[in-house]
């Protein structure tokens, strides 16, 4: 009987030690991932184009029939998609920004509600997920936001308005 008691105590101690090591490893991996991404607690979406990157060529048409190309792109560009709850939360704030920056919203998929929220104040392009504008930005994630300068270079990128150096929404 003493051997059985000793074996149970030993297995219990080994299990507790294993739990402590596992929790320490999880904590270290979380800290490593956040430090590697350089975004602190909010990792943000995977952005292919970062600050200083050149935007690729594209031709698109807004919902109002206005042509949009890389050459005339300047300001804030937002990528939204259908069936994306964070996109639906961000859209009214994006449309209501009082920054003075021209804005372009790219909506992938069929979502008339999202287009209706954005279109009164923002130029809107509706395209498939792998459309011309998305390909020009190498964008694979929504919501994704970019500030573009007059040289068609990305100034800033992020997944939230708070990630960008712009004024607060009105």
C-alpha atoms as a PDB file:
ATOM      1  CA  UNK A   1       0.000   0.000   0.000  1.00  0.00           C
ATOM      2  CA  UNK A   2       2.785   2.546   0.695  1.00  0.00           C
ATOM      3  CA  UNK A   3       4.087   1.985  -2.857  1.00  0.00           C
ATOM      4  CA  UNK A   4       0.690   2.787  -4.319  1.00  0.00           C
ATOM      5  CA  UNK A   5       0.427   5.979  -2.254  1.00  0.00           C
ATOM      6  CA  UNK A   6       3.935   7.050  -3.323  1.00  0.00           C
ATOM      7  CA  UNK A   7       3.100   6.389  -6.996  1.00  0.00           C
ATOM      8  CA  UNK A   8      -0.098   8.465  -6.828  1.00  0.00           C
ATOM      9  CA  UNK A   9       1.731  11.353  -5.138  1.00  0.00           C
ATOM     10  CA  UNK A  10       4.525  11.167  -7.740  1.00  0.00           C
ATOM     11  CA  UNK A  11       2.040  11.216 -10.649  1.00  0.00           C
ATOM     12  CA  UNK A  12       0.225  14.180  -9.053  1.00  0.00           C
ATOM     13  CA  UNK A  13       3.469  16.132  -8.637  1.00  0.00           C
ATOM     14  CA  UNK A  14       4.518  15.397 -12.235  1.00  0.00           C
ATOM     15  CA  UNK A  15       1.112  16.541 -13.498  1.00  0.00           C
ATOM     16  CA  UNK A  16       1.314  19.800 -11.535  1.00  0.00           C
ATOM     17  CA  UNK A  17       4.865  20.410 -12.818  1.00  0.00           C
ATOM     18  CA  UNK A  18       3.693  19.751 -16.402  1.00  0.00           C
ATOM     19  CA  UNK A  19       0.811  22.244 -15.975  1.00  0.00           C
ATOM     20  CA  UNK A  20       3.175  24.955 -14.697  1.00  0.00           C
ATOM     21  CA  UNK A  21       5.559  24.407 -17.636  1.00  0.00           C
ATOM     22  CA  UNK A  22       2.686  24.490 -20.153  1.00  0.00           C
ATOM     23  CA  UNK A  23       1.314  27.766 -18.768  1.00  0.00           C
ATOM     24  CA  UNK A  24       4.802  29.320 -18.805  1.00  0.00           C
ATOM     25  CA  UNK A  25       5.270  28.237 -22.429  1.00  0.00           C
ATOM     26  CA  UNK A  26       1.900  29.718 -23.460  1.00  0.00           C
ATOM     27  CA  UNK A  27       2.746  33.020 -21.756  1.00  0.00           C
ATOM     28  CA  UNK A  28       6.129  33.161 -23.481  1.00  0.00           C
ATOM     29  CA  UNK A  29       4.641  32.408 -26.918  1.00  0.00           C
ATOM     30  CA  UNK A  30       1.986  35.114 -26.523  1.00  0.00           C
ATOM     31  CA  UNK A  31       4.631  37.660 -25.569  1.00  0.00           C
ATOM     32  CA  UNK A  32       6.857  36.557 -28.437  1.00  0.00           C
ATOM     33  CA  UNK A  33       4.055  36.848 -31.024  1.00  0.00           C
ATOM     34  CA  UNK A  34       3.069  40.355 -29.872  1.00  0.00           C
ATOM     35  CA  UNK A  35       6.686  41.556 -29.853  1.00  0.00           C
ATOM     36  CA  UNK A  36       7.351  40.028 -33.263  1.00  0.00           C
ATOM     37  CA  UNK A  37       4.317  41.728 -34.798  1.00  0.00           C
ATOM     38  CA  UNK A  38       5.300  45.065 -33.290  1.00  0.00           C
ATOM     39  CA  UNK A  39       1.705  45.973 -32.472  1.00  0.00           C
ATOM     40  CA  UNK A  40       1.542  45.306 -28.742  1.00  0.00           C
ATOM     41  CA  UNK A  41      -1.663  43.574 -27.724  1.00  0.00           C
ATOM     42  CA  UNK A  42      -3.460  44.189 -31.020  1.00  0.00           C
ATOM     43  CA  UNK A  43      -1.669  42.245 -33.743  1.00  0.00           C
ATOM     44  CA  UNK A  44      -3.851  43.690 -36.480  1.00  0.00           C
ATOM     45  CA  UNK A  45      -4.526  42.149 -39.852  1.00  0.00           C
ATOM     46  CA  UNK A  46      -1.743  40.764 -42.014  1.00  0.00           C
ATOM     47  CA  UNK A  47      -0.878  43.712 -44.259  1.00  0.00           C
ATOM     48  CA  UNK A  48       1.166  42.943 -47.379  1.00  0.00           C
ATOM     49  CA  UNK A  49       1.771  46.637 -48.089  1.00  0.00           C
ATOM     50  CA  UNK A  50       3.252  48.629 -45.252  1.00  0.00           C
ATOM     51  CA  UNK A  51       4.366  52.251 -45.033  1.00  0.00           C
ATOM     52  CA  UNK A  52       6.474  53.228 -48.027  1.00  0.00           C
ATOM     53  CA  UNK A  53       5.098  50.484 -50.308  1.00  0.00           C
ATOM     54  CA  UNK A  54       3.989  51.379 -53.818  1.00  0.00           C
ATOM     55  CA  UNK A  55       0.413  50.529 -54.804  1.00  0.00           C
ATOM     56  CA  UNK A  56      -0.041  48.430 -57.938  1.00  0.00           C
ATOM     57  CA  UNK A  57      -1.918  49.560 -61.051  1.00  0.00           C
ATOM     58  CA  UNK A  58      -5.678  49.128 -61.216  1.00  0.00           C
ATOM     59  CA  UNK A  59      -8.808  50.374 -62.967  1.00  0.00           C
ATOM     60  CA  UNK A  60     -12.161  50.279 -61.206  1.00  0.00           C
ATOM     61  CA  UNK A  61     -15.522  52.009 -61.249  1.00  0.00           C
ATOM     62  CA  UNK A  62     -17.411  53.335 -58.244  1.00  0.00           C
ATOM     63  CA  UNK A  63     -21.083  52.630 -57.599  1.00  0.00           C
ATOM     64  CA  UNK A  64     -21.759  56.129 -59.013  1.00  0.00           C
ATOM     65  CA  UNK A  65     -20.024  55.246 -62.305  1.00  0.00           C
ATOM     66  CA  UNK A  66     -16.885  57.280 -61.558  1.00  0.00           C
ATOM     67  CA  UNK A  67     -13.601  55.711 -62.767  1.00  0.00           C
ATOM     68  CA  UNK A  68     -10.891  55.169 -60.147  1.00  0.00           C
ATOM     69  CA  UNK A  69      -7.265  54.361 -60.962  1.00  0.00           C
ATOM     70  CA  UNK A  70      -4.002  54.161 -59.087  1.00  0.00           C
ATOM     71  CA  UNK A  71      -2.962  57.517 -60.557  1.00  0.00           C
ATOM     72  CA  UNK A  72      -5.792  59.479 -58.903  1.00  0.00           C
ATOM     73  CA  UNK A  73      -5.799  57.605 -55.605  1.00  0.00           C
ATOM     74  CA  UNK A  74      -5.113  59.778 -52.576  1.00  0.00           C
ATOM     75  CA  UNK A  75      -6.376  59.699 -48.996  1.00  0.00           C
ATOM     76  CA  UNK A  76      -7.953  56.969 -46.930  1.00  0.00           C
ATOM     77  CA  UNK A  77      -8.772  53.592 -48.484  1.00  0.00           C
ATOM     78  CA  UNK A  78     -10.830  51.030 -46.580  1.00  0.00           C
ATOM     79  CA  UNK A  79     -11.475  47.394 -47.463  1.00  0.00           C
ATOM     80  CA  UNK A  80     -14.736  45.874 -46.233  1.00  0.00           C
ATOM     81  CA  UNK A  81     -16.489  42.597 -46.988  1.00  0.00           C
ATOM     82  CA  UNK A  82     -19.920  41.061 -46.753  1.00  0.00           C
ATOM     83  CA  UNK A  83     -20.556  38.816 -43.748  1.00  0.00           C
ATOM     84  CA  UNK A  84     -17.819  40.562 -41.742  1.00  0.00           C
ATOM     85  CA  UNK A  85     -19.162  41.837 -38.389  1.00  0.00           C
ATOM     86  CA  UNK A  86     -16.099  44.055 -37.698  1.00  0.00           C
ATOM     87  CA  UNK A  87     -16.584  45.615 -41.158  1.00  0.00           C
ATOM     88  CA  UNK A  88     -20.192  46.476 -40.354  1.00  0.00           C
ATOM     89  CA  UNK A  89     -19.092  48.030 -37.036  1.00  0.00           C
ATOM     90  CA  UNK A  90     -16.334  50.075 -38.690  1.00  0.00           C
ATOM     91  CA  UNK A  91     -18.302  51.287 -41.743  1.00  0.00           C
ATOM     92  CA  UNK A  92     -20.356  54.047 -40.014  1.00  0.00           C
ATOM     93  CA  UNK A  93     -17.244  55.414 -38.311  1.00  0.00           C
ATOM     94  CA  UNK A  94     -15.323  55.325 -41.611  1.00  0.00           C
ATOM     95  CA  UNK A  95     -18.149  57.138 -43.392  1.00  0.00           C
ATOM     96  CA  UNK A  96     -18.457  59.715 -40.603  1.00  0.00           C
ATOM     97  CA  UNK A  97     -14.797  60.738 -40.433  1.00  0.00           C
ATOM     98  CA  UNK A  98     -14.220  64.470 -40.537  1.00  0.00           C
ATOM     99  CA  UNK A  99     -10.583  64.425 -41.641  1.00  0.00           C
ATOM    100  CA  UNK A 100     -10.646  66.268 -44.944  1.00  0.00           C
ATOM    101  CA  UNK A 101      -8.988  63.232 -46.547  1.00  0.00           C
ATOM    102  CA  UNK A 102     -10.680  61.813 -49.649  1.00  0.00           C
ATOM    103  CA  UNK A 103     -12.024  58.344 -48.893  1.00  0.00           C
ATOM    104  CA  UNK A 104     -12.509  55.234 -50.986  1.00  0.00           C
ATOM    105  CA  UNK A 105     -14.252  52.123 -49.672  1.00  0.00           C
ATOM    106  CA  UNK A 106     -13.758  48.785 -51.416  1.00  0.00           C
ATOM    107  CA  UNK A 107     -16.548  46.316 -50.634  1.00  0.00           C
ATOM    108  CA  UNK A 108     -16.038  42.699 -51.606  1.00  0.00           C
ATOM    109  CA  UNK A 109     -19.083  40.528 -52.016  1.00  0.00           C
ATOM    110  CA  UNK A 110     -22.761  41.362 -52.316  1.00  0.00           C
ATOM    111  CA  UNK A 111     -23.776  43.560 -49.374  1.00  0.00           C
ATOM    112  CA  UNK A 112     -26.183  46.381 -50.303  1.00  0.00           C
ATOM    113  CA  UNK A 113     -26.558  47.336 -46.628  1.00  0.00           C
ATOM    114  CA  UNK A 114     -22.827  47.964 -46.255  1.00  0.00           C
ATOM    115  CA  UNK A 115     -22.729  49.934 -49.521  1.00  0.00           C
ATOM    116  CA  UNK A 116     -25.702  52.028 -48.345  1.00  0.00           C
ATOM    117  CA  UNK A 117     -23.928  52.917 -45.083  1.00  0.00           C
ATOM    118  CA  UNK A 118     -20.757  53.982 -46.908  1.00  0.00           C
ATOM    119  CA  UNK A 119     -22.004  55.542 -50.149  1.00  0.00           C
ATOM    120  CA  UNK A 120     -23.466  58.859 -48.968  1.00  0.00           C
ATOM    121  CA  UNK A 121     -20.078  60.139 -47.792  1.00  0.00           C
ATOM    122  CA  UNK A 122     -17.505  57.877 -49.459  1.00  0.00           C
ATOM    123  CA  UNK A 123     -16.693  56.736 -52.989  1.00  0.00           C
ATOM    124  CA  UNK A 124     -17.468  53.003 -53.063  1.00  0.00           C
ATOM    125  CA  UNK A 125     -16.109  50.284 -55.343  1.00  0.00           C
ATOM    126  CA  UNK A 126     -17.831  46.892 -55.226  1.00  0.00           C
ATOM    127  CA  UNK A 127     -15.711  43.975 -56.416  1.00  0.00           C
ATOM    128  CA  UNK A 128     -14.977  40.325 -55.768  1.00  0.00           C
ATOM    129  CA  UNK A 129     -12.485  39.378 -53.056  1.00  0.00           C
ATOM    130  CA  UNK A 130      -9.678  39.160 -55.632  1.00  0.00           C
ATOM    131  CA  UNK A 131     -10.736  42.289 -57.541  1.00  0.00           C
ATOM    132  CA  UNK A 132      -8.508  44.887 -59.169  1.00  0.00           C
ATOM    133  CA  UNK A 133      -8.199  47.238 -56.178  1.00  0.00           C
ATOM    134  CA  UNK A 134      -7.656  44.403 -53.705  1.00  0.00           C
ATOM    135  CA  UNK A 135      -4.922  42.989 -55.938  1.00  0.00           C
ATOM    136  CA  UNK A 136      -3.268  46.403 -56.300  1.00  0.00           C
ATOM    137  CA  UNK A 137      -3.046  46.616 -52.504  1.00  0.00           C
ATOM    138  CA  UNK A 138      -2.303  42.870 -52.162  1.00  0.00           C
ATOM    139  CA  UNK A 139      -5.098  42.974 -49.596  1.00  0.00           C
ATOM    140  CA  UNK A 140      -6.397  39.655 -48.240  1.00  0.00           C
ATOM    141  CA  UNK A 141      -8.002  40.792 -44.984  1.00  0.00           C
ATOM    142  CA  UNK A 142     -10.973  42.894 -43.929  1.00  0.00           C
ATOM    143  CA  UNK A 143     -11.369  45.345 -42.452  1.00  0.00           C
ATOM    144  CA  UNK A 144      -8.133  46.874 -43.646  1.00  0.00           C
ATOM    145  CA  UNK A 145      -7.349  50.586 -43.833  1.00  0.00           C
ATOM    146  CA  UNK A 146      -4.618  52.442 -45.705  1.00  0.00           C
ATOM    147  CA  UNK A 147      -3.575  56.072 -45.989  1.00  0.00           C
ATOM    148  CA  UNK A 148      -2.163  56.770 -49.455  1.00  0.00           C
ATOM    149  CA  UNK A 149      -0.120  59.825 -50.419  1.00  0.00           C
ATOM    150  CA  UNK A 150      -0.009  61.684 -53.756  1.00  0.00           C
ATOM    151  CA  UNK A 151       2.794  59.413 -54.985  1.00  0.00           C
ATOM    152  CA  UNK A 152       0.538  56.357 -54.592  1.00  0.00           C
ATOM    153  CA  UNK A 153       2.584  55.086 -51.660  1.00  0.00           C
ATOM    154  CA  UNK A 154       1.181  53.719 -48.422  1.00  0.00           C
ATOM    155  CA  UNK A 155       1.728  56.155 -45.552  1.00  0.00           C
ATOM    156  CA  UNK A 156       0.065  54.042 -42.852  1.00  0.00           C
ATOM    157  CA  UNK A 157      -1.927  50.810 -42.628  1.00  0.00           C
ATOM    158  CA  UNK A 158      -4.011  49.062 -40.000  1.00  0.00           C
ATOM    159  CA  UNK A 159      -7.165  47.202 -39.177  1.00  0.00           C
ATOM    160  CA  UNK A 160      -8.748  49.914 -37.012  1.00  0.00           C
ATOM    161  CA  UNK A 161      -9.080  53.682 -37.273  1.00  0.00           C
ATOM    162  CA  UNK A 162      -7.062  53.930 -34.060  1.00  0.00           C
ATOM    163  CA  UNK A 163      -4.108  52.322 -35.895  1.00  0.00           C
ATOM    164  CA  UNK A 164      -3.882  55.270 -38.304  1.00  0.00           C
ATOM    165  CA  UNK A 165      -2.582  58.805 -37.712  1.00  0.00           C
ATOM    166  CA  UNK A 166      -5.901  60.547 -38.394  1.00  0.00           C
ATOM    167  CA  UNK A 167      -8.264  62.732 -36.434  1.00  0.00           C
ATOM    168  CA  UNK A 168     -11.089  61.215 -34.417  1.00  0.00           C
ATOM    169  CA  UNK A 169     -14.433  60.650 -36.123  1.00  0.00           C
ATOM    170  CA  UNK A 170     -16.976  63.450 -35.952  1.00  0.00           C
END
